[in-house]
Protein backbone atom coordinates (compact mmCIF):
# COMPACT_ATOMS: atom_id res chain seq x y z
CA LEU A 1 -11.50 7.96 12.91
CA ILE A 2 -9.06 5.08 12.54
CA THR A 3 -9.67 5.00 8.79
CA LEU A 4 -9.21 8.75 8.45
CA THR A 5 -6.03 8.60 10.53
CA GLY A 6 -4.63 6.12 8.03
CA MET A 7 -5.64 8.33 5.12
CA ALA A 8 -4.11 11.43 6.70
CA SER A 9 -0.94 9.47 7.38
CA SER A 10 -0.69 8.52 3.73
CA VAL A 11 -1.22 12.08 2.50
CA ALA A 12 1.58 13.18 4.83
CA ALA A 13 3.70 10.33 3.45
CA CYS A 14 3.18 11.62 -0.10
CA LEU A 15 4.18 15.16 0.87
CA LEU A 16 7.28 13.99 2.72
CA ALA A 17 8.30 11.67 -0.11
CA ILE A 18 8.06 14.53 -2.62
CA CYS A 19 10.41 16.51 -0.37
CA GLY A 20 12.87 13.60 -0.31
CA ARG A 21 12.11 12.44 3.23
CA VAL A 22 11.33 8.88 2.19
CA GLN A 23 12.39 7.31 5.49
CA VAL A 24 9.53 8.87 7.45
CA ALA A 25 7.19 8.63 4.46
CA VAL A 26 7.46 4.83 4.38
CA MET A 27 6.94 4.59 8.14
CA LEU A 28 3.75 6.62 7.70
CA LEU A 29 2.70 4.21 4.95
CA MET A 30 3.14 1.39 7.45
CA LEU A 31 1.03 3.31 9.98
CA SER A 32 -1.72 3.46 7.36
CA GLY A 33 -1.44 -0.31 7.05
CA VAL A 34 -1.90 -0.76 10.80
CA CYS A 35 -4.95 1.52 10.75
CA ASP A 36 -6.43 -0.48 7.89
CA CYS A 37 -5.82 -3.69 9.81
CA PHE A 38 -7.91 -2.58 12.79
CA ASP A 39 -10.59 -0.21 11.49
CA GLY A 40 -12.83 -3.04 10.29
CA PRO A 41 -12.72 -5.12 13.48
CA VAL A 42 -13.32 -2.01 15.59
CA ALA A 43 -16.30 -1.00 13.43
CA ARG A 44 -17.81 -4.48 13.71
CA MET A 45 -17.73 -4.21 17.50
CA ASP A 46 -20.62 -1.76 17.16
CA LYS A 47 -23.57 -4.11 16.74
CA ASP A 48 -26.05 -1.24 16.41
CA ARG A 49 -24.74 0.07 13.09
CA THR A 50 -27.48 0.81 10.56
CA PRO A 51 -27.25 -0.58 6.98
CA ALA A 52 -26.39 2.93 5.78
CA GLU A 53 -23.52 3.18 8.30
CA LYS A 54 -22.18 -0.18 7.16
CA VAL A 55 -22.21 0.95 3.52
CA PHE A 56 -20.51 4.22 4.50
CA GLY A 57 -17.83 2.21 6.31
CA VAL A 58 -17.14 0.18 3.17
CA GLN A 59 -16.98 3.32 1.03
CA ILE A 60 -14.70 5.38 3.29
CA ASP A 61 -12.41 2.40 3.80
CA THR A 62 -12.05 1.98 0.04
CA VAL A 63 -11.33 5.68 -0.49
CA SER A 64 -8.67 5.50 2.22
CA ASP A 65 -7.16 2.35 0.68
CA MET A 66 -6.94 4.05 -2.70
CA VAL A 67 -5.00 6.96 -1.23
CA SER A 68 -2.89 4.86 1.12
CA PHE A 69 -2.01 1.79 -0.92
CA GLY A 70 -2.76 2.88 -4.48
CA VAL A 71 -1.44 6.43 -4.77
CA THR A 72 1.12 6.59 -1.94
CA PRO A 73 3.42 3.71 -3.04
CA ALA A 74 3.47 5.18 -6.56
CA VAL A 75 4.40 8.62 -5.23
CA ILE A 76 7.13 7.16 -3.03
CA LEU A 77 8.81 5.26 -5.86
CA PHE A 78 8.54 8.24 -8.21
CA SER A 79 10.04 10.47 -5.50
CA MET A 80 12.92 8.06 -4.96
CA GLY A 81 13.81 8.52 -8.61
CA ARG A 82 13.09 12.26 -8.67
CA ASN A 83 15.30 12.86 -5.62
CA ARG A 84 18.05 10.56 -6.97
CA ILE A 85 17.81 8.15 -4.04
CA LEU A 86 17.84 5.43 -6.70
CA PRO A 87 18.73 5.85 -10.40
CA ILE A 88 15.17 4.95 -11.42
CA PHE A 89 15.08 7.56 -14.17
CA ALA A 90 18.63 7.07 -15.44
CA GLY A 91 18.47 6.78 -19.21
CA GLY A 92 16.59 9.90 -20.19
CA PRO A 93 13.01 10.90 -21.02
CA VAL A 94 12.04 7.51 -22.44
CA ILE A 95 12.75 5.81 -19.11
CA VAL A 96 10.86 8.53 -17.23
CA ILE A 97 7.82 7.94 -19.44
CA LEU A 98 8.09 4.15 -19.14
CA VAL A 99 8.32 4.22 -15.34
CA SER A 100 5.48 6.73 -15.16
CA VAL A 101 3.28 4.47 -17.30
CA VAL A 102 3.98 1.53 -14.97
CA LEU A 103 3.11 3.62 -11.90
CA ILE A 104 -0.09 4.91 -13.51
CA PHE A 105 -0.98 1.33 -14.42
CA TYR A 106 -0.35 0.30 -10.81
CA VAL A 107 -2.69 3.03 -9.49
CA LEU A 108 -5.40 2.18 -12.05
CA CYS A 109 -5.29 -1.53 -11.18
CA ALA A 110 -5.54 -0.66 -7.48
CA GLY A 111 -8.63 1.42 -8.28
CA ILE A 112 -10.19 -1.40 -10.30
CA ARG A 113 -9.49 -3.91 -7.52
CA LEU A 114 -11.01 -1.67 -4.85
CA ALA A 115 -14.09 -0.86 -6.94
CA TYR A 116 -14.61 -4.59 -7.55
CA PHE A 117 -14.28 -5.27 -3.83
CA ASN A 118 -16.85 -2.57 -3.10
CA THR A 119 -19.25 -4.10 -5.59
CA LEU A 120 -18.94 -7.52 -3.96
CA GLU A 121 -19.44 -6.10 -0.47
CA ILE A 122 -22.51 -4.07 -1.40
CA THR A 123 -24.20 -6.78 -3.45
CA LYS A 124 -23.44 -9.83 -1.31
CA THR A 125 -26.50 -11.61 0.05
CA ASP A 126 -24.97 -14.36 2.17
CA GLU A 127 -23.39 -13.01 5.34
CA ASN A 128 -22.15 -16.53 6.16
CA ALA A 129 -20.27 -16.99 2.88
CA PRO A 130 -16.57 -17.95 3.19
CA LYS A 131 -14.36 -14.93 3.77
CA ILE A 132 -12.17 -14.76 0.69
CA PHE A 133 -10.37 -12.18 -1.42
CA ILE A 134 -10.57 -12.12 -5.20
CA GLY A 135 -7.13 -11.01 -6.38
CA MET A 136 -4.40 -9.63 -4.13
CA PRO A 137 -5.77 -7.11 -1.61
CA VAL A 138 -4.44 -3.60 -2.21
CA PRO A 139 -3.41 -3.09 1.47
CA PHE A 140 -0.81 -5.83 0.99
CA SER A 141 1.28 -3.03 -0.52
CA ALA A 142 1.96 -1.83 3.03
CA ILE A 143 3.52 -5.23 3.77
CA LEU A 144 5.49 -5.67 0.56
CA PHE A 145 6.91 -2.29 -0.42
CA PRO A 146 8.40 -1.06 2.89
CA VAL A 147 10.67 -4.12 2.96
CA LEU A 148 11.63 -3.64 -0.68
CA PHE A 149 12.36 0.06 -0.21
CA LEU A 150 14.69 -0.66 2.71
CA LEU A 151 16.44 -3.53 0.92
CA SER A 152 16.88 -1.33 -2.15
CA VAL A 153 19.31 0.94 -0.29
CA THR A 154 20.97 -1.60 2.02
CA LEU A 155 21.75 -4.60 -0.20
CA PRO A 156 25.07 -4.51 -2.08
CA VAL A 157 23.33 -4.52 -5.46
CA PRO A 158 23.88 -1.90 -8.21
CA GLY A 159 21.24 0.83 -8.12
CA LYS A 160 20.20 0.31 -11.74
CA ILE A 161 19.42 -3.36 -11.12
CA VAL A 162 17.45 -2.51 -7.97
CA SER A 163 15.52 0.18 -9.85
CA ILE A 164 14.56 -2.19 -12.66
CA ALA A 165 13.52 -4.85 -10.15
CA LEU A 166 11.30 -2.41 -8.25
CA VAL A 167 9.53 -1.22 -11.39
CA ILE A 168 8.94 -4.83 -12.46
CA ILE A 169 7.56 -5.70 -9.01
CA TYR A 170 5.16 -2.77 -9.22
CA PHE A 171 3.94 -4.05 -12.57
CA ILE A 172 3.50 -7.62 -11.27
CA THR A 173 1.70 -6.34 -8.18
CA ALA A 174 -0.70 -4.38 -10.38
CA ILE A 175 -1.49 -7.56 -12.33
CA LEU A 176 -2.10 -9.45 -9.08
CA PHE A 177 -4.59 -6.77 -8.00
CA ILE A 178 -6.85 -7.53 -10.96
CA SER A 179 -6.22 -11.27 -11.17
CA ASN A 180 -9.02 -13.74 -10.53
CA PHE A 181 -7.36 -16.03 -7.98
CA LYS A 182 -8.92 -16.51 -4.55
CA MET A 183 -7.25 -16.32 -1.16
CA LYS A 184 -8.64 -16.74 2.33
CA LYS A 185 -9.00 -13.62 4.44
CA PRO A 186 -6.67 -13.58 7.46
CA THR A 187 -8.41 -13.93 10.81
CA GLY A 188 -7.66 -14.13 14.50
CA PHE A 189 -4.04 -13.93 15.63
CA VAL A 190 -2.87 -13.09 12.11
CA TYR A 191 -4.11 -9.54 12.73
CA LEU A 192 -1.70 -9.33 15.67
CA LEU A 193 1.25 -10.48 13.58
CA TYR A 194 1.03 -7.49 11.27
CA PRO A 195 1.57 -4.79 13.95
CA ILE A 196 4.47 -6.84 15.35
CA TYR A 197 5.94 -7.06 11.85
CA GLU A 198 5.57 -3.29 11.43
CA ILE A 199 7.19 -2.52 14.79
CA VAL A 200 10.20 -4.66 13.94
CA LEU A 201 10.43 -3.05 10.52
CA VAL A 202 10.23 0.46 12.02
CA VAL A 203 13.26 -0.38 14.19
CA PHE A 204 15.19 -1.32 11.05
CA TYR A 205 14.02 1.91 9.41
CA VAL A 206 15.25 3.97 12.34
CA ILE A 207 18.67 2.29 12.12
CA PHE A 208 19.14 1.98 8.36
CA GLY A 209 16.36 4.04 6.79
CA GLY A 210 18.30 7.29 6.69
CA ARG A 211 19.73 6.16 3.36
CA LEU A 212 16.27 6.66 1.86
CA ASN A 213 16.39 10.40 2.34
CA GLY A 214 17.33 12.62 -0.56
């Protein structure tokens, strides 16, 4: 239920972003991030889960992550350009195609990363192996992009420069998804820091986020 709440939140975020209501859309993206943070720990509290239920949990979590942190950030950035919140598509059809290619590449890399994660989870044999990520986890998008979206409309920087920077960051993020570096999984109190971070960020969105609406 927590996982599906996050997925539903992201679908709503996509619909709102398309309509130009990016302020609320990004806050819903952050809600998806909070759901993703807690669905795993809550599931593991049930010690009586069958192997099939554990596999289902991995699968549904990955599907939700693809919608929430693969597709939704791409839709939000595209909508910011489409609704002229930022001059992302200034320059004509060539720029539209270029930005679209970067966003498609971002979504594809997110899918590859999540499929690889699923493969590791399903095939792992050592439950006591160190908890690490291979490549940047896709849910990190819910940490990175909300801050960037807000800064993009509040910093005194020309819109064209901000637009170029955002597209480049999307491209770099996509590369990090499929990179082979290792990072330790966050544990313990780190899980509590994320909701606090999101709450603080939501306050800033309520105060300044109206500039993100078309």
